[in-house]
Structure formats: structure tokens, C-alpha cells
Amino acid sequence: MLWFRGNQVRLARYSFGFLLRNLSACKTDLPVLTLFTKDPCPLCDEAKEVLKPYNNRFILQEVDITLPQHSAWYERYKFDIPVFHLNGQFLMMHRVNVSKLEKELLKLEQHGAEGGPVSS
């Protein structure tokens, strides 16, 4: 009886680990949209509202430029937030440009579906 329970526990642990790995893999397939922000930032709050319909197409990463470890970003963007990078590349600043975001997300999605390089 203990042997059977031990295998059930191992199976449950294996299944849970497998599930977590698959969820992580799915998440990492999405592009990362980085929002450079600070608190308070009414324009950033407005931008996040505009982005809500697209939330399933990217992972939103927020970087608070006022934190000591982000001082380089503070020097660069202190007068321009919100600033957005897509997969580490500058995308837009001040307000969300929905058509530009759509275009870049579509390029990345097509790149992922085709498995080839994105043409500019």
C-alpha cells in the first residue's frame, strides 16, 4: 500500500512539474512588452488601459525607473515616460500607438508561425 501511494506522489509531482514547464514554455513564446514607468504616472495608467485588449499577445514587464538599480533608464527616459520596448527594442513613447503595436505584434506572430526571420 505504501509503495502504491509513493508512486502516486511521484506521478503527481512529475505531472505538476510537466504542467509548469509547459506553461512556462507557452508564456515565453509571447513577446515581452516592457513599460518604463514610475509612480505616480497617469499617462502610464492610461497606456495600460489602452493595452488591455492586447494582453493575451504579449507579456507586460514594468520597469520603475526611479529604483536605484534602474538609474540608467531614469537618466534616459525621465522626461519621456511611458516608454515601451518590444523584445528589448524601442517601440514608442508618451502614448500607445495602437497601429504601430499591432504591426509589430503581427510581424512577431508571423515570424513565430513561419519559423523564419522577420523581414523589415
PDB file of N, CA and C in Angstrom:
ATOM      1  N   MET A   1       0.814  -1.198   0.000  1.00  0.00           N
ATOM      2  CA  MET A   1       0.000   0.000   0.000  1.00  0.00           C
ATOM      3  C   MET A   1       0.858   1.263   0.000  1.00  0.00           C
ATOM      4  N   LEU A   2       1.924   1.290   0.786  1.00  0.00           N
ATOM      5  CA  LEU A   2       2.805   2.450   0.803  1.00  0.00           C
ATOM      6  C   LEU A   2       3.512   2.629  -0.543  1.00  0.00           C
ATOM      7  N   TRP A   3       3.909   1.509  -1.153  1.00  0.00           N
ATOM      8  CA  TRP A   3       4.566   1.588  -2.442  1.00  0.00           C
ATOM      9  C   TRP A   3       3.666   2.267  -3.471  1.00  0.00           C
ATOM     10  N   PHE A   4       2.397   1.887  -3.479  1.00  0.00           N
ATOM     11  CA  PHE A   4       1.434   2.458  -4.415  1.00  0.00           C
ATOM     12  C   PHE A   4       1.268   3.953  -4.165  1.00  0.00           C
ATOM     13  N   ARG A   5       1.134   4.337  -2.913  1.00  0.00           N
ATOM     14  CA  ARG A   5       0.982   5.761  -2.588  1.00  0.00           C
ATOM     15  C   ARG A   5       2.227   6.544  -2.982  1.00  0.00           C
ATOM     16  N   GLY A   6       3.397   5.934  -2.755  1.00  0.00           N
ATOM     17  CA  GLY A   6       4.642   6.606  -3.138  1.00  0.00           C
ATOM     18  C   GLY A   6       4.691   6.895  -4.624  1.00  0.00           C
ATOM     19  N   ASN A   7       4.246   5.934  -5.429  1.00  0.00           N
ATOM     20  CA  ASN A   7       4.221   6.143  -6.878  1.00  0.00           C
ATOM     21  C   ASN A   7       3.204   7.208  -7.267  1.00  0.00           C
ATOM     22  N   GLN A   8       2.083   7.246  -6.546  1.00  0.00           N
ATOM     23  CA  GLN A   8       1.090   8.283  -6.833  1.00  0.00           C
ATOM     24  C   GLN A   8       1.677   9.657  -6.562  1.00  0.00           C
ATOM     25  N   VAL A   9       2.407   9.781  -5.470  1.00  0.00           N
ATOM     26  CA  VAL A   9       3.009  11.068  -5.128  1.00  0.00           C
ATOM     27  C   VAL A   9       4.034  11.456  -6.182  1.00  0.00           C
ATOM     28  N   ARG A  10       4.866  10.486  -6.589  1.00  0.00           N
ATOM     29  CA  ARG A  10       5.859  10.779  -7.629  1.00  0.00           C
ATOM     30  C   ARG A  10       5.183  11.161  -8.942  1.00  0.00           C
ATOM     31  N   LEU A  11       4.120  10.450  -9.290  1.00  0.00           N
ATOM     32  CA  LEU A  11       3.401  10.754 -10.514  1.00  0.00           C
ATOM     33  C   LEU A  11       2.788  12.153 -10.431  1.00  0.00           C
ATOM     34  N   ALA A  12       2.181  12.479  -9.305  1.00  0.00           N
ATOM     35  CA  ALA A  12       1.588  13.805  -9.132  1.00  0.00           C
ATOM     36  C   ALA A  12       2.667  14.878  -9.224  1.00  0.00           C
ATOM     37  N   ARG A  13       3.820  14.629  -8.579  1.00  0.00           N
ATOM     38  CA  ARG A  13       4.921  15.593  -8.616  1.00  0.00           C
ATOM     39  C   ARG A  13       5.425  15.759 -10.050  1.00  0.00           C
ATOM     40  N   TYR A  14       5.573  14.639 -10.779  1.00  0.00           N
ATOM     41  CA  TYR A  14       6.021  14.679 -12.171  1.00  0.00           C
ATOM     42  C   TYR A  14       5.012  15.443 -13.028  1.00  0.00           C
ATOM     43  N   SER A  15       3.721  15.141 -12.853  1.00  0.00           N
ATOM     44  CA  SER A  15       2.682  15.794 -13.653  1.00  0.00           C
ATOM     45  C   SER A  15       2.654  17.284 -13.398  1.00  0.00           C
ATOM     46  N   PHE A  16       2.799  17.683 -12.140  1.00  0.00           N
ATOM     47  CA  PHE A  16       2.786  19.096 -11.793  1.00  0.00           C
ATOM     48  C   PHE A  16       3.990  19.806 -12.419  1.00  0.00           C
ATOM     49  N   GLY A  17       5.153  19.171 -12.336  1.00  0.00           N
ATOM     50  CA  GLY A  17       6.355  19.740 -12.945  1.00  0.00           C
ATOM     51  C   GLY A  17       6.215  19.869 -14.452  1.00  0.00           C
ATOM     52  N   PHE A  18       5.660  18.844 -15.074  1.00  0.00           N
ATOM     53  CA  PHE A  18       5.436  18.854 -16.512  1.00  0.00           C
ATOM     54  C   PHE A  18       4.493  19.996 -16.894  1.00  0.00           C
ATOM     55  N   LEU A  19       3.430  20.164 -16.119  1.00  0.00           N
ATOM     56  CA  LEU A  19       2.472  21.232 -16.369  1.00  0.00           C
ATOM     57  C   LEU A  19       3.147  22.590 -16.253  1.00  0.00           C
ATOM     58  N   LEU A  20       3.938  22.788 -15.203  1.00  0.00           N
ATOM     59  CA  LEU A  20       4.633  24.066 -15.023  1.00  0.00           C
ATOM     60  C   LEU A  20       5.596  24.341 -16.173  1.00  0.00           C
ATOM     61  N   ARG A  21       6.333  23.341 -16.614  1.00  0.00           N
ATOM     62  CA  ARG A  21       7.262  23.529 -17.731  1.00  0.00           C
ATOM     63  C   ARG A  21       6.504  23.919 -18.995  1.00  0.00           C
ATOM     64  N   ASN A  22       5.379  23.273 -19.245  1.00  0.00           N
ATOM     65  CA  ASN A  22       4.604  23.607 -20.443  1.00  0.00           C
ATOM     66  C   ASN A  22       4.021  25.007 -20.360  1.00  0.00           C
ATOM     67  N   LEU A  23       3.538  25.388 -19.193  1.00  0.00           N
ATOM     68  CA  LEU A  23       3.024  26.743 -19.034  1.00  0.00           C
ATOM     69  C   LEU A  23       4.127  27.763 -19.230  1.00  0.00           C
ATOM     70  N   SER A  24       5.301  27.488 -18.705  1.00  0.00           N
ATOM     71  CA  SER A  24       6.439  28.390 -18.871  1.00  0.00           C
ATOM     72  C   SER A  24       6.821  28.496 -20.333  1.00  0.00           C
ATOM     73  N   ALA A  25       6.830  27.388 -21.027  1.00  0.00           N
ATOM     74  CA  ALA A  25       7.189  27.394 -22.445  1.00  0.00           C
ATOM     75  C   ALA A  25       6.187  28.214 -23.243  1.00  0.00           C
ATOM     76  N   CYS A  26       4.907  28.072 -22.937  1.00  0.00           N
ATOM     77  CA  CYS A  26       3.887  28.841 -23.647  1.00  0.00           C
ATOM     78  C   CYS A  26       4.070  30.327 -23.386  1.00  0.00           C
ATOM     79  N   LYS A  27       4.325  30.684 -22.151  1.00  0.00           N
ATOM     80  CA  LYS A  27       4.494  32.080 -21.792  1.00  0.00           C
ATOM     81  C   LYS A  27       5.689  32.694 -22.500  1.00  0.00           C
ATOM     82  N   THR A  28       6.792  31.963 -22.597  1.00  0.00           N
ATOM     83  CA  THR A  28       7.998  32.531 -23.181  1.00  0.00           C
ATOM     84  C   THR A  28       7.880  32.679 -24.683  1.00  0.00           C
ATOM     85  N   ASP A  29       6.915  32.051 -25.319  1.00  0.00           N
ATOM     86  CA  ASP A  29       6.706  32.228 -26.749  1.00  0.00           C
ATOM     87  C   ASP A  29       6.125  33.599 -27.055  1.00  0.00           C
ATOM     88  N   LEU A  30       5.535  34.237 -26.072  1.00  0.00           N
ATOM     89  CA  LEU A  30       4.965  35.560 -26.274  1.00  0.00           C
ATOM     90  C   LEU A  30       6.067  36.614 -26.222  1.00  0.00           C
ATOM     91  N   PRO A  31       5.941  37.671 -27.035  1.00  0.00           N
ATOM     92  CA  PRO A  31       6.914  38.757 -26.948  1.00  0.00           C
ATOM     93  C   PRO A  31       6.773  39.493 -25.617  1.00  0.00           C
ATOM     94  N   VAL A  32       7.840  40.176 -25.224  1.00  0.00           N
ATOM     95  CA  VAL A  32       7.838  40.939 -23.977  1.00  0.00           C
ATOM     96  C   VAL A  32       7.718  42.421 -24.315  1.00  0.00           C
ATOM     97  N   LEU A  33       6.671  43.043 -23.803  1.00  0.00           N
ATOM     98  CA  LEU A  33       6.481  44.479 -23.938  1.00  0.00           C
ATOM     99  C   LEU A  33       6.899  45.094 -22.612  1.00  0.00           C
ATOM    100  N   THR A  34       7.970  45.871 -22.641  1.00  0.00           N
ATOM    101  CA  THR A  34       8.482  46.499 -21.423  1.00  0.00           C
ATOM    102  C   THR A  34       7.966  47.919 -21.346  1.00  0.00           C
ATOM    103  N   LEU A  35       7.381  48.243 -20.210  1.00  0.00           N
ATOM    104  CA  LEU A  35       6.883  49.588 -19.942  1.00  0.00           C
ATOM    105  C   LEU A  35       7.812  50.236 -18.931  1.00  0.00           C
ATOM    106  N   PHE A  36       8.490  51.303 -19.340  1.00  0.00           N
ATOM    107  CA  PHE A  36       9.315  52.085 -18.425  1.00  0.00           C
ATOM    108  C   PHE A  36       8.401  53.122 -17.802  1.00  0.00           C
ATOM    109  N   THR A  37       8.309  53.103 -16.473  1.00  0.00           N
ATOM    110  CA  THR A  37       7.306  53.860 -15.748  1.00  0.00           C
ATOM    111  C   THR A  37       7.861  54.374 -14.430  1.00  0.00           C
ATOM    112  N   LYS A  38       7.053  55.084 -13.687  1.00  0.00           N
ATOM    113  CA  LYS A  38       7.348  55.481 -12.306  1.00  0.00           C
ATOM    114  C   LYS A  38       6.006  55.658 -11.611  1.00  0.00           C
ATOM    115  N   ASP A  39       6.063  55.877 -10.311  1.00  0.00           N
ATOM    116  CA  ASP A  39       4.829  56.045  -9.548  1.00  0.00           C
ATOM    117  C   ASP A  39       4.843  57.409  -8.881  1.00  0.00           C
ATOM    118  N   PRO A  40       3.880  58.244  -9.133  1.00  0.00           N
ATOM    119  CA  PRO A  40       2.702  58.056  -9.999  1.00  0.00           C
ATOM    120  C   PRO A  40       3.034  58.394 -11.453  1.00  0.00           C
ATOM    121  N   CYS A  41       2.221  57.848 -12.335  1.00  0.00           N
ATOM    122  CA  CYS A  41       2.353  58.132 -13.768  1.00  0.00           C
ATOM    123  C   CYS A  41       0.981  57.973 -14.420  1.00  0.00           C
ATOM    124  N   PRO A  42       0.194  59.032 -14.435  1.00  0.00           N
ATOM    125  CA  PRO A  42      -1.143  58.946 -15.038  1.00  0.00           C
ATOM    126  C   PRO A  42      -1.119  58.524 -16.507  1.00  0.00           C
ATOM    127  N   LEU A  43      -0.123  58.980 -17.264  1.00  0.00           N
ATOM    128  CA  LEU A  43      -0.045  58.560 -18.673  1.00  0.00           C
ATOM    129  C   LEU A  43       0.237  57.070 -18.786  1.00  0.00           C
ATOM    130  N   CYS A  44       1.009  56.528 -17.848  1.00  0.00           N
ATOM    131  CA  CYS A  44       1.288  55.085 -17.854  1.00  0.00           C
ATOM    132  C   CYS A  44       0.016  54.300 -17.534  1.00  0.00           C
ATOM    133  N   ASP A  45      -0.754  54.794 -16.574  1.00  0.00           N
ATOM    134  CA  ASP A  45      -2.021  54.143 -16.231  1.00  0.00           C
ATOM    135  C   ASP A  45      -2.962  54.148 -17.433  1.00  0.00           C
ATOM    136  N   GLU A  46      -3.003  55.277 -18.128  1.00  0.00           N
ATOM    137  CA  GLU A  46      -3.841  55.381 -19.328  1.00  0.00           C
ATOM    138  C   GLU A  46      -3.350  54.411 -20.403  1.00  0.00           C
ATOM    139  N   ALA A  47      -2.046  54.334 -20.578  1.00  0.00           N
ATOM    140  CA  ALA A  47      -1.471  53.436 -21.587  1.00  0.00           C
ATOM    141  C   ALA A  47      -1.813  51.981 -21.269  1.00  0.00           C
ATOM    142  N   LYS A  48      -1.742  51.590 -19.994  1.00  0.00           N
ATOM    143  CA  LYS A  48      -2.067  50.208 -19.618  1.00  0.00           C
ATOM    144  C   LYS A  48      -3.524  49.886 -19.920  1.00  0.00           C
ATOM    145  N   GLU A  49      -4.393  50.859 -19.780  1.00  0.00           N
ATOM    146  CA  GLU A  49      -5.810  50.651 -20.130  1.00  0.00           C
ATOM    147  C   GLU A  49      -5.964  50.412 -21.635  1.00  0.00           C
ATOM    148  N   VAL A  50      -5.240  51.187 -22.431  1.00  0.00           N
ATOM    149  CA  VAL A  50      -5.296  51.035 -23.890  1.00  0.00           C
ATOM    150  C   VAL A  50      -4.761  49.663 -24.299  1.00  0.00           C
ATOM    151  N   LEU A  51      -3.779  49.141 -23.545  1.00  0.00           N
ATOM    152  CA  LEU A  51      -3.156  47.855 -23.871  1.00  0.00           C
ATOM    153  C   LEU A  51      -3.992  46.639 -23.481  1.00  0.00           C
ATOM    154  N   LYS A  52      -4.969  46.812 -22.625  1.00  0.00           N
ATOM    155  CA  LYS A  52      -5.730  45.665 -22.106  1.00  0.00           C
ATOM    156  C   LYS A  52      -6.251  44.710 -23.181  1.00  0.00           C
ATOM    157  N   PRO A  53      -6.800  45.194 -24.305  1.00  0.00           N
ATOM    158  CA  PRO A  53      -7.298  44.250 -25.317  1.00  0.00           C
ATOM    159  C   PRO A  53      -6.193  43.395 -25.956  1.00  0.00           C
ATOM    160  N   TYR A  54      -4.936  43.785 -25.792  1.00  0.00           N
ATOM    161  CA  TYR A  54      -3.814  43.071 -26.409  1.00  0.00           C
ATOM    162  C   TYR A  54      -3.049  42.196 -25.411  1.00  0.00           C
ATOM    163  N   ASN A  55      -3.466  42.175 -24.148  1.00  0.00           N
ATOM    164  CA  ASN A  55      -2.723  41.486 -23.087  1.00  0.00           C
ATOM    165  C   ASN A  55      -2.444  40.012 -23.368  1.00  0.00           C
ATOM    166  N   ASN A  56      -3.257  39.363 -24.174  1.00  0.00           N
ATOM    167  CA  ASN A  56      -3.018  37.945 -24.473  1.00  0.00           C
ATOM    168  C   ASN A  56      -1.963  37.755 -25.565  1.00  0.00           C
ATOM    169  N   ARG A  57      -1.445  38.858 -26.113  1.00  0.00           N
ATOM    170  CA  ARG A  57      -0.477  38.774 -27.211  1.00  0.00           C
ATOM    171  C   ARG A  57       0.947  39.113 -26.791  1.00  0.00           C
ATOM    172  N   PHE A  58       1.138  39.499 -25.529  1.00  0.00           N
ATOM    173  CA  PHE A  58       2.469  39.810 -25.036  1.00  0.00           C
ATOM    174  C   PHE A  58       2.503  39.664 -23.526  1.00  0.00           C
ATOM    175  N   ILE A  59       3.722  39.654 -23.001  1.00  0.00           N
ATOM    176  CA  ILE A  59       3.932  39.687 -21.555  1.00  0.00           C
ATOM    177  C   ILE A  59       4.334  41.109 -21.223  1.00  0.00           C
ATOM    178  N   LEU A  60       3.597  41.747 -20.335  1.00  0.00           N
ATOM    179  CA  LEU A  60       3.910  43.118 -19.942  1.00  0.00           C
ATOM    180  C   LEU A  60       4.878  43.091 -18.770  1.00  0.00           C
ATOM    181  N   GLN A  61       6.007  43.734 -18.962  1.00  0.00           N
ATOM    182  CA  GLN A  61       7.025  43.841 -17.920  1.00  0.00           C
ATOM    183  C   GLN A  61       7.153  45.333 -17.588  1.00  0.00           C
ATOM    184  N   GLU A  62       6.977  45.686 -16.326  1.00  0.00           N
ATOM    185  CA  GLU A  62       7.097  47.078 -15.922  1.00  0.00           C
ATOM    186  C   GLU A  62       8.435  47.318 -15.253  1.00  0.00           C
ATOM    187  N   VAL A  63       9.090  48.418 -15.636  1.00  0.00           N
ATOM    188  CA  VAL A  63      10.363  48.808 -15.039  1.00  0.00           C
ATOM    189  C   VAL A  63      10.168  50.182 -14.416  1.00  0.00           C
ATOM    190  N   ASP A  64      10.275  50.238 -13.092  1.00  0.00           N
ATOM    191  CA  ASP A  64      10.169  51.503 -12.371  1.00  0.00           C
ATOM    192  C   ASP A  64      11.520  52.203 -12.460  1.00  0.00           C
ATOM    193  N   ILE A  65      11.583  53.277 -13.225  1.00  0.00           N
ATOM    194  CA  ILE A  65      12.857  53.945 -13.469  1.00  0.00           C
ATOM    195  C   ILE A  65      13.383  54.699 -12.252  1.00  0.00           C
ATOM    196  N   THR A  66      12.562  54.836 -11.207  1.00  0.00           N
ATOM    197  CA  THR A  66      13.016  55.557 -10.013  1.00  0.00           C
ATOM    198  C   THR A  66      13.776  54.657  -9.040  1.00  0.00           C
ATOM    199  N   LEU A  67      13.795  53.359  -9.290  1.00  0.00           N
ATOM    200  CA  LEU A  67      14.539  52.451  -8.421  1.00  0.00           C
ATOM    201  C   LEU A  67      16.037  52.590  -8.701  1.00  0.00           C
ATOM    202  N   PRO A  68      16.864  52.496  -7.648  1.00  0.00           N
ATOM    203  CA  PRO A  68      18.315  52.690  -7.823  1.00  0.00           C
ATOM    204  C   PRO A  68      18.936  51.803  -8.904  1.00  0.00           C
ATOM    205  N   GLN A  69      18.491  50.562  -9.008  1.00  0.00           N
ATOM    206  CA  GLN A  69      19.074  49.655  -9.998  1.00  0.00           C
ATOM    207  C   GLN A  69      18.707  50.031 -11.436  1.00  0.00           C
ATOM    208  N   HIS A  70      17.784  50.962 -11.616  1.00  0.00           N
ATOM    209  CA  HIS A  70      17.371  51.387 -12.958  1.00  0.00           C
ATOM    210  C   HIS A  70      17.769  52.834 -13.240  1.00  0.00           C
ATOM    211  N   SER A  71      18.813  53.314 -12.590  1.00  0.00           N
ATOM    212  CA  SER A  71      19.217  54.722 -12.736  1.00  0.00           C
ATOM    213  C   SER A  71      19.577  55.077 -14.180  1.00  0.00           C
ATOM    214  N   ALA A  72      20.140  54.142 -14.933  1.00  0.00           N
ATOM    215  CA  ALA A  72      20.471  54.420 -16.337  1.00  0.00           C
ATOM    216  C   ALA A  72      19.199  54.693 -17.140  1.00  0.00           C
ATOM    217  N   TRP A  73      18.152  53.920 -16.866  1.00  0.00           N
ATOM    218  CA  TRP A  73      16.874  54.151 -17.555  1.00  0.00           C
ATOM    219  C   TRP A  73      16.268  55.473 -17.115  1.00  0.00           C
ATOM    220  N   TYR A  74      16.446  55.810 -15.843  1.00  0.00           N
ATOM    221  CA  TYR A  74      15.936  57.091 -15.341  1.00  0.00           C
ATOM    222  C   TYR A  74      16.587  58.242 -16.108  1.00  0.00           C
ATOM    223  N   GLU A  75      17.902  58.209 -16.251  1.00  0.00           N
ATOM    224  CA  GLU A  75      18.606  59.271 -16.975  1.00  0.00           C
ATOM    225  C   GLU A  75      18.144  59.356 -18.428  1.00  0.00           C
ATOM    226  N   ARG A  76      17.847  58.229 -18.992  1.00  0.00           N
ATOM    227  CA  ARG A  76      17.459  58.190 -20.406  1.00  0.00           C
ATOM    228  C   ARG A  76      16.003  58.625 -20.631  1.00  0.00           C
ATOM    229  N   TYR A  77      15.095  58.205 -19.735  1.00  0.00           N
ATOM    230  CA  TYR A  77      13.661  58.376 -20.001  1.00  0.00           C
ATOM    231  C   TYR A  77      12.920  59.252 -18.990  1.00  0.00           C
ATOM    232  N   LYS A  78      13.602  59.945 -18.103  1.00  0.00           N
ATOM    233  CA  LYS A  78      12.920  60.665 -17.029  1.00  0.00           C
ATOM    234  C   LYS A  78      11.879  61.676 -17.517  1.00  0.00           C
ATOM    235  N   PHE A  79      12.030  62.199 -18.717  1.00  0.00           N
ATOM    236  CA  PHE A  79      11.067  63.176 -19.236  1.00  0.00           C
ATOM    237  C   PHE A  79      10.151  62.596 -20.306  1.00  0.00           C
ATOM    238  N   ASP A  80      10.231  61.296 -20.543  1.00  0.00           N
ATOM    239  CA  ASP A  80       9.514  60.713 -21.679  1.00  0.00           C
ATOM    240  C   ASP A  80       8.546  59.586 -21.348  1.00  0.00           C
ATOM    241  N   ILE A  81       8.421  59.190 -20.090  1.00  0.00           N
ATOM    242  CA  ILE A  81       7.566  58.040 -19.791  1.00  0.00           C
ATOM    243  C   ILE A  81       6.109  58.372 -20.090  1.00  0.00           C
ATOM    244  N   PRO A  82       5.337  57.388 -20.476  1.00  0.00           N
ATOM    245  CA  PRO A  82       5.705  55.998 -20.651  1.00  0.00           C
ATOM    246  C   PRO A  82       6.524  55.773 -21.919  1.00  0.00           C
ATOM    247  N   VAL A  83       7.464  54.840 -21.807  1.00  0.00           N
ATOM    248  CA  VAL A  83       8.277  54.398 -22.938  1.00  0.00           C
ATOM    249  C   VAL A  83       8.085  52.891 -23.036  1.00  0.00           C
ATOM    250  N   PHE A  84       7.995  52.398 -24.258  1.00  0.00           N
ATOM    251  CA  PHE A  84       7.781  50.967 -24.488  1.00  0.00           C
ATOM    252  C   PHE A  84       8.888  50.393 -25.355  1.00  0.00           C
ATOM    253  N   HIS A  85       9.369  49.226 -24.946  1.00  0.00           N
ATOM    254  CA  HIS A  85      10.278  48.416 -25.762  1.00  0.00           C
ATOM    255  C   HIS A  85       9.561  47.101 -26.034  1.00  0.00           C
ATOM    256  N   LEU A  86       9.738  46.576 -27.224  1.00  0.00           N
ATOM    257  CA  LEU A  86       9.182  45.271 -27.571  1.00  0.00           C
ATOM    258  C   LEU A  86      10.352  44.338 -27.820  1.00  0.00           C
ATOM    259  N   ASN A  87      10.444  43.296 -27.011  1.00  0.00           N
ATOM    260  CA  ASN A  87      11.563  42.346 -27.073  1.00  0.00           C
ATOM    261  C   ASN A  87      12.915  43.068 -27.038  1.00  0.00           C
ATOM    262  N   GLY A  88      13.003  44.080 -26.179  1.00  0.00           N
ATOM    263  CA  GLY A  88      14.269  44.776 -25.969  1.00  0.00           C
ATOM    264  C   GLY A  88      14.565  45.900 -26.942  1.00  0.00           C
ATOM    265  N   GLN A  89      13.687  46.128 -27.908  1.00  0.00           N
ATOM    266  CA  GLN A  89      13.890  47.186 -28.901  1.00  0.00           C
ATOM    267  C   GLN A  89      12.884  48.305 -28.668  1.00  0.00           C
ATOM    268  N   PHE A  90      13.362  49.562 -28.765  1.00  0.00           N
ATOM    269  CA  PHE A  90      12.462  50.701 -28.598  1.00  0.00           C
ATOM    270  C   PHE A  90      11.279  50.569 -29.549  1.00  0.00           C
ATOM    271  N   LEU A  91      10.083  50.850 -29.026  1.00  0.00           N
ATOM    272  CA  LEU A  91       8.869  50.779 -29.840  1.00  0.00           C
ATOM    273  C   LEU A  91       8.162  52.122 -29.920  1.00  0.00           C
ATOM    274  N   MET A  92       7.906  52.757 -28.756  1.00  0.00           N
ATOM    275  CA  MET A  92       7.150  54.004 -28.758  1.00  0.00           C
ATOM    276  C   MET A  92       7.281  54.687 -27.402  1.00  0.00           C
ATOM    277  N   MET A  93       6.881  55.952 -27.348  1.00  0.00           N
ATOM    278  CA  MET A  93       6.892  56.678 -26.079  1.00  0.00           C
ATOM    279  C   MET A  93       5.728  57.659 -26.009  1.00  0.00           C
ATOM    280  N   HIS A  94       5.450  58.113 -24.810  1.00  0.00           N
ATOM    281  CA  HIS A  94       4.418  59.090 -24.449  1.00  0.00           C
ATOM    282  C   HIS A  94       3.000  58.535 -24.477  1.00  0.00           C
ATOM    283  N   ARG A  95       2.606  57.916 -25.540  1.00  0.00           N
ATOM    284  CA  ARG A  95       1.274  57.308 -25.658  1.00  0.00           C
ATOM    285  C   ARG A  95       1.381  56.020 -26.466  1.00  0.00           C
ATOM    286  N   VAL A  96       0.372  55.168 -26.329  1.00  0.00           N
ATOM    287  CA  VAL A  96       0.356  53.921 -27.097  1.00  0.00           C
ATOM    288  C   VAL A  96      -0.067  54.236 -28.527  1.00  0.00           C
ATOM    289  N   ASN A  97       0.763  53.854 -29.466  1.00  0.00           N
ATOM    290  CA  ASN A  97       0.446  53.942 -30.888  1.00  0.00           C
ATOM    291  C   ASN A  97      -0.086  52.561 -31.276  1.00  0.00           C
ATOM    292  N   VAL A  98      -1.401  52.428 -31.260  1.00  0.00           N
ATOM    293  CA  VAL A  98      -2.037  51.120 -31.466  1.00  0.00           C
ATOM    294  C   VAL A  98      -1.679  50.521 -32.820  1.00  0.00           C
ATOM    295  N   SER A  99      -1.649  51.331 -33.866  1.00  0.00           N
ATOM    296  CA  SER A  99      -1.348  50.773 -35.190  1.00  0.00           C
ATOM    297  C   SER A  99       0.096  50.265 -35.242  1.00  0.00           C
ATOM    298  N   LYS A 100       1.033  50.975 -34.628  1.00  0.00           N
ATOM    299  CA  LYS A 100       2.425  50.513 -34.601  1.00  0.00           C
ATOM    300  C   LYS A 100       2.552  49.232 -33.777  1.00  0.00           C
ATOM    301  N   LEU A 101       1.883  49.184 -32.634  1.00  0.00           N
ATOM    302  CA  LEU A 101       1.897  47.987 -31.793  1.00  0.00           C
ATOM    303  C   LEU A 101       1.328  46.800 -32.554  1.00  0.00           C
ATOM    304  N   GLU A 102       0.188  46.990 -33.192  1.00  0.00           N
ATOM    305  CA  GLU A 102      -0.458  45.927 -33.981  1.00  0.00           C
ATOM    306  C   GLU A 102       0.491  45.398 -35.051  1.00  0.00           C
ATOM    307  N   LYS A 103       1.109  46.319 -35.778  1.00  0.00           N
ATOM    308  CA  LYS A 103       2.014  45.952 -36.871  1.00  0.00           C
ATOM    309  C   LYS A 103       3.185  45.119 -36.354  1.00  0.00           C
ATOM    310  N   GLU A 104       3.800  45.546 -35.251  1.00  0.00           N
ATOM    311  CA  GLU A 104       4.963  44.839 -34.718  1.00  0.00           C
ATOM    312  C   GLU A 104       4.582  43.484 -34.112  1.00  0.00           C
ATOM    313  N   LEU A 105       3.444  43.433 -33.435  1.00  0.00           N
ATOM    314  CA  LEU A 105       2.981  42.155 -32.887  1.00  0.00           C
ATOM    315  C   LEU A 105       2.677  41.170 -34.012  1.00  0.00           C
ATOM    316  N   LEU A 106       2.047  41.649 -35.059  1.00  0.00           N
ATOM    317  CA  LEU A 106       1.729  40.797 -36.201  1.00  0.00           C
ATOM    318  C   LEU A 106       3.001  40.245 -36.842  1.00  0.00           C
ATOM    319  N   LYS A 107       4.029  41.089 -36.992  1.00  0.00           N
ATOM    320  CA  LYS A 107       5.313  40.629 -37.535  1.00  0.00           C
ATOM    321  C   LYS A 107       5.878  39.494 -36.678  1.00  0.00           C
ATOM    322  N   LEU A 108       5.863  39.694 -35.361  1.00  0.00           N
ATOM    323  CA  LEU A 108       6.401  38.677 -34.457  1.00  0.00           C
ATOM    324  C   LEU A 108       5.576  37.397 -34.500  1.00  0.00           C
ATOM    325  N   GLU A 109       4.262  37.536 -34.578  1.00  0.00           N
ATOM    326  CA  GLU A 109       3.387  36.360 -34.638  1.00  0.00           C
ATOM    327  C   GLU A 109       3.597  35.598 -35.941  1.00  0.00           C
ATOM    328  N   GLN A 110       3.766  36.308 -37.035  1.00  0.00           N
ATOM    329  CA  GLN A 110       4.018  35.648 -38.323  1.00  0.00           C
ATOM    330  C   GLN A 110       5.381  34.978 -38.318  1.00  0.00           C
ATOM    331  N   HIS A 111       6.346  35.621 -37.710  1.00  0.00           N
ATOM    332  CA  HIS A 111       7.691  35.057 -37.584  1.00  0.00           C
ATOM    333  C   HIS A 111       7.632  33.748 -36.817  1.00  0.00           C
ATOM    334  N   GLY A 112       6.874  33.721 -35.736  1.00  0.00           N
ATOM    335  CA  GLY A 112       6.737  32.509 -34.933  1.00  0.00           C
ATOM    336  C   GLY A 112       6.021  31.396 -35.685  1.00  0.00           C
ATOM    337  N   ALA A 113       5.021  31.758 -36.468  1.00  0.00           N
ATOM    338  CA  ALA A 113       4.246  30.762 -37.217  1.00  0.00           C
ATOM    339  C   ALA A 113       5.053  30.193 -38.384  1.00  0.00           C
ATOM    340  N   GLU A 114       5.874  31.029 -39.015  1.00  0.00           N
ATOM    341  CA  GLU A 114       6.659  30.592 -40.175  1.00  0.00           C
ATOM    342  C   GLU A 114       7.959  29.939 -39.773  1.00  0.00           C
ATOM    343  N   GLY A 115       8.471  30.334 -38.605  1.00  0.00           N
ATOM    344  CA  GLY A 115       9.737  29.780 -38.142  1.00  0.00           C
ATOM    345  C   GLY A 115      10.941  30.381 -38.836  1.00  0.00           C
ATOM    346  N   GLY A 116      10.757  31.460 -39.569  1.00  0.00           N
ATOM    347  CA  GLY A 116      11.869  32.110 -40.261  1.00  0.00           C
ATOM    348  C   GLY A 116      12.105  33.504 -39.726  1.00  0.00           C
ATOM    349  N   PRO A 117      13.087  34.198 -40.265  1.00  0.00           N
ATOM    350  CA  PRO A 117      13.405  35.548 -39.790  1.00  0.00           C
ATOM    351  C   PRO A 117      12.330  36.552 -40.212  1.00  0.00           C
ATOM    352  N   VAL A 118      12.191  37.597 -39.419  1.00  0.00           N
ATOM    353  CA  VAL A 118      11.240  38.650 -39.719  1.00  0.00           C
ATOM    354  C   VAL A 118      11.878  39.584 -40.726  1.00  0.00           C
ATOM    355  N   SER A 119      11.159  39.895 -41.796  1.00  0.00           N
ATOM    356  CA  SER A 119      11.688  40.850 -42.773  1.00  0.00           C
ATOM    357  C   SER A 119      11.137  42.224 -42.456  1.00  0.00           C
ATOM    358  N   SER A 120      11.999  43.210 -42.555  1.00  0.00           N
ATOM    359  CA  SER A 120      11.580  44.593 -42.237  1.00  0.00           C
ATOM    360  C   SER A 120      11.106  45.313 -43.461  1.00  0.00           C
TER     361      SER A 120
END
